[in-house]
Amino acid sequence: MIEAPEAQARELHLEMVEVLKLLNRAEEEGGSVEGFEKEELWHMLGKVGFPATTLVDVDRTLSVLVANGLARTLTDPEYAWDRGRVVSERFTITLDGKRLLLKEIERVNRV
């Protein structure tokens, strides 16, 4: 069954907000290396209410966030002690992403 465009847009919006929450959490927790890799975000989304999300969906969401200046890409390979491996392409939240996230949280809490 194909979803209506409005339903697809709403799902993308919810996924984008959740990715911003995860990226914000990564920044606040301050791991040994900044940001999350795409695959890490995909795995985490499955645990927080998006089990049907595919890696292609996460790629699309990250592309939209980066294109709109809400997230940025880090490409410097770095050894992450807390992950026990070298990480390369990672994503972090920007100041505009934090503003949008705060605005969305305030909007939802008003309902």
C-alpha atoms as a PDB file:
ATOM      1  CA  MET A   1       0.000   0.000   0.000  1.00  0.00           C
ATOM      2  CA  ILE A   2       1.380   3.396  -1.011  1.00  0.00           C
ATOM      3  CA  GLU A   3       1.100   6.191   1.529  1.00  0.00           C
ATOM      4  CA  ALA A   4      -0.462   9.523   0.630  1.00  0.00           C
ATOM      5  CA  PRO A   5       2.057  12.357   0.100  1.00  0.00           C
ATOM      6  CA  GLU A   6       0.867  14.051   3.304  1.00  0.00           C
ATOM      7  CA  ALA A   7       1.526  10.897   5.315  1.00  0.00           C
ATOM      8  CA  GLN A   8       4.969  10.508   3.737  1.00  0.00           C
ATOM      9  CA  ALA A   9       5.808  14.143   4.512  1.00  0.00           C
ATOM     10  CA  ARG A  10       4.653  13.748   8.131  1.00  0.00           C
ATOM     11  CA  GLU A  11       6.745  10.580   8.534  1.00  0.00           C
ATOM     12  CA  LEU A  12       9.808  12.362   7.111  1.00  0.00           C
ATOM     13  CA  HIS A  13       9.217  15.282   9.482  1.00  0.00           C
ATOM     14  CA  LEU A  14       8.949  12.991  12.507  1.00  0.00           C
ATOM     15  CA  GLU A  15      12.084  11.116  11.441  1.00  0.00           C
ATOM     16  CA  MET A  16      13.990  14.379  10.932  1.00  0.00           C
ATOM     17  CA  VAL A  17      13.037  15.595  14.411  1.00  0.00           C
ATOM     18  CA  GLU A  18      14.096  12.270  15.929  1.00  0.00           C
ATOM     19  CA  VAL A  19      17.455  12.376  14.102  1.00  0.00           C
ATOM     20  CA  LEU A  20      18.001  15.919  15.396  1.00  0.00           C
ATOM     21  CA  LYS A  21      17.232  14.683  18.929  1.00  0.00           C
ATOM     22  CA  LEU A  22      19.802  11.896  18.538  1.00  0.00           C
ATOM     23  CA  LEU A  23      22.431  14.267  17.132  1.00  0.00           C
ATOM     24  CA  ASN A  24      21.763  16.716  19.959  1.00  0.00           C
ATOM     25  CA  ARG A  25      22.120  13.927  22.502  1.00  0.00           C
ATOM     26  CA  ALA A  26      25.449  12.925  20.945  1.00  0.00           C
ATOM     27  CA  GLU A  27      26.708  16.472  21.353  1.00  0.00           C
ATOM     28  CA  GLU A  28      25.494  16.773  24.949  1.00  0.00           C
ATOM     29  CA  GLU A  29      26.990  13.428  25.977  1.00  0.00           C
ATOM     30  CA  GLY A  30      30.328  14.353  24.405  1.00  0.00           C
ATOM     31  CA  GLY A  31      31.704  10.972  23.342  1.00  0.00           C
ATOM     32  CA  SER A  32      35.308  10.500  22.322  1.00  0.00           C
ATOM     33  CA  VAL A  33      34.414  11.434  18.722  1.00  0.00           C
ATOM     34  CA  GLU A  34      31.853  13.993  17.614  1.00  0.00           C
ATOM     35  CA  GLY A  35      28.659  12.855  15.855  1.00  0.00           C
ATOM     36  CA  PHE A  36      27.036   9.614  14.719  1.00  0.00           C
ATOM     37  CA  GLU A  37      27.541   7.593  11.576  1.00  0.00           C
ATOM     38  CA  LYS A  38      24.568   6.915   9.299  1.00  0.00           C
ATOM     39  CA  GLU A  39      24.416   3.249  10.303  1.00  0.00           C
ATOM     40  CA  GLU A  40      24.460   4.162  13.995  1.00  0.00           C
ATOM     41  CA  LEU A  41      21.527   6.530  13.485  1.00  0.00           C
ATOM     42  CA  TRP A  42      19.647   3.846  11.566  1.00  0.00           C
ATOM     43  CA  HIS A  43      20.136   1.375  14.405  1.00  0.00           C
ATOM     44  CA  MET A  44      19.075   3.923  17.045  1.00  0.00           C
ATOM     45  CA  LEU A  45      15.973   4.976  15.100  1.00  0.00           C
ATOM     46  CA  GLY A  46      14.802   1.364  15.134  1.00  0.00           C
ATOM     47  CA  LYS A  47      14.936   1.443  18.934  1.00  0.00           C
ATOM     48  CA  VAL A  48      12.987   4.696  19.367  1.00  0.00           C
ATOM     49  CA  GLY A  49       9.857   4.040  17.369  1.00  0.00           C
ATOM     50  CA  PHE A  50      11.008   3.825  13.745  1.00  0.00           C
ATOM     51  CA  PRO A  51      11.539   0.071  13.223  1.00  0.00           C
ATOM     52  CA  ALA A  52      10.509   0.174   9.544  1.00  0.00           C
ATOM     53  CA  THR A  53      13.052   2.877   8.679  1.00  0.00           C
ATOM     54  CA  THR A  54      15.602   1.731   6.129  1.00  0.00           C
ATOM     55  CA  LEU A  55      19.157   2.878   5.600  1.00  0.00           C
ATOM     56  CA  VAL A  56      17.933   4.592   2.413  1.00  0.00           C
ATOM     57  CA  ASP A  57      15.366   6.511   4.520  1.00  0.00           C
ATOM     58  CA  VAL A  58      18.097   7.613   6.928  1.00  0.00           C
ATOM     59  CA  ASP A  59      20.284   8.700   4.019  1.00  0.00           C
ATOM     60  CA  ARG A  60      17.402  10.769   2.612  1.00  0.00           C
ATOM     61  CA  THR A  61      16.686  12.327   6.002  1.00  0.00           C
ATOM     62  CA  LEU A  62      20.333  13.228   6.559  1.00  0.00           C
ATOM     63  CA  SER A  63      20.563  14.695   3.050  1.00  0.00           C
ATOM     64  CA  VAL A  64      17.578  16.957   3.768  1.00  0.00           C
ATOM     65  CA  LEU A  65      18.978  18.015   7.157  1.00  0.00           C
ATOM     66  CA  VAL A  66      22.430  18.798   5.723  1.00  0.00           C
ATOM     67  CA  ALA A  67      20.990  20.598   2.669  1.00  0.00           C
ATOM     68  CA  ASN A  68      18.924  22.814   4.975  1.00  0.00           C
ATOM     69  CA  GLY A  69      21.813  23.574   7.325  1.00  0.00           C
ATOM     70  CA  LEU A  70      20.297  21.678  10.258  1.00  0.00           C
ATOM     71  CA  ALA A  71      23.082  19.088  10.386  1.00  0.00           C
ATOM     72  CA  ARG A  72      26.606  18.918   9.037  1.00  0.00           C
ATOM     73  CA  THR A  73      28.885  16.171   7.833  1.00  0.00           C
ATOM     74  CA  LEU A  74      32.288  15.365   9.311  1.00  0.00           C
ATOM     75  CA  THR A  75      34.525  13.259   7.096  1.00  0.00           C
ATOM     76  CA  ASP A  76      37.798  13.081   9.021  1.00  0.00           C
ATOM     77  CA  PRO A  77      38.568   9.461   9.995  1.00  0.00           C
ATOM     78  CA  GLU A  78      39.204   9.245  13.708  1.00  0.00           C
ATOM     79  CA  TYR A  79      39.598   6.451  16.236  1.00  0.00           C
ATOM     80  CA  ALA A  80      36.661   6.385  18.645  1.00  0.00           C
ATOM     81  CA  TRP A  81      37.753   4.844  21.948  1.00  0.00           C
ATOM     82  CA  ASP A  82      34.179   4.377  23.137  1.00  0.00           C
ATOM     83  CA  ARG A  83      33.278   2.523  19.912  1.00  0.00           C
ATOM     84  CA  GLY A  84      36.549   0.592  19.625  1.00  0.00           C
ATOM     85  CA  ARG A  85      37.035   1.407  15.943  1.00  0.00           C
ATOM     86  CA  VAL A  86      37.825   4.099  13.405  1.00  0.00           C
ATOM     87  CA  VAL A  87      34.814   6.161  12.368  1.00  0.00           C
ATOM     88  CA  SER A  88      34.716   8.278   9.253  1.00  0.00           C
ATOM     89  CA  GLU A  89      31.644  10.046   7.862  1.00  0.00           C
ATOM     90  CA  ARG A  90      29.593  11.311  10.787  1.00  0.00           C
ATOM     91  CA  PHE A  91      26.775  13.781  11.247  1.00  0.00           C
ATOM     92  CA  THR A  92      26.349  16.472  13.886  1.00  0.00           C
ATOM     93  CA  ILE A  93      23.649  18.990  14.706  1.00  0.00           C
ATOM     94  CA  THR A  94      24.142  22.664  13.855  1.00  0.00           C
ATOM     95  CA  LEU A  95      22.956  25.718  15.766  1.00  0.00           C
ATOM     96  CA  ASP A  96      20.047  26.051  13.316  1.00  0.00           C
ATOM     97  CA  GLY A  97      19.220  22.385  13.933  1.00  0.00           C
ATOM     98  CA  LYS A  98      19.144  23.044  17.676  1.00  0.00           C
ATOM     99  CA  ARG A  99      16.843  26.028  17.133  1.00  0.00           C
ATOM    100  CA  LEU A 100      14.445  23.971  15.033  1.00  0.00           C
ATOM    101  CA  LEU A 101      14.508  21.143  17.559  1.00  0.00           C
ATOM    102  CA  LEU A 102      13.729  23.530  20.417  1.00  0.00           C
ATOM    103  CA  LYS A 103      10.925  25.127  18.405  1.00  0.00           C
ATOM    104  CA  GLU A 104       9.458  21.693  17.618  1.00  0.00           C
ATOM    105  CA  ILE A 105       9.636  20.585  21.247  1.00  0.00           C
ATOM    106  CA  GLU A 106       7.901  23.780  22.352  1.00  0.00           C
ATOM    107  CA  ARG A 107       5.213  23.341  19.672  1.00  0.00           C
ATOM    108  CA  VAL A 108       4.484  19.746  20.657  1.00  0.00           C
ATOM    109  CA  ASN A 109       4.333  20.573  24.370  1.00  0.00           C
ATOM    110  CA  ARG A 110       1.720  23.277  23.719  1.00  0.00           C
ATOM    111  CA  VAL A 111      -0.774  20.789  22.311  1.00  0.00           C
END
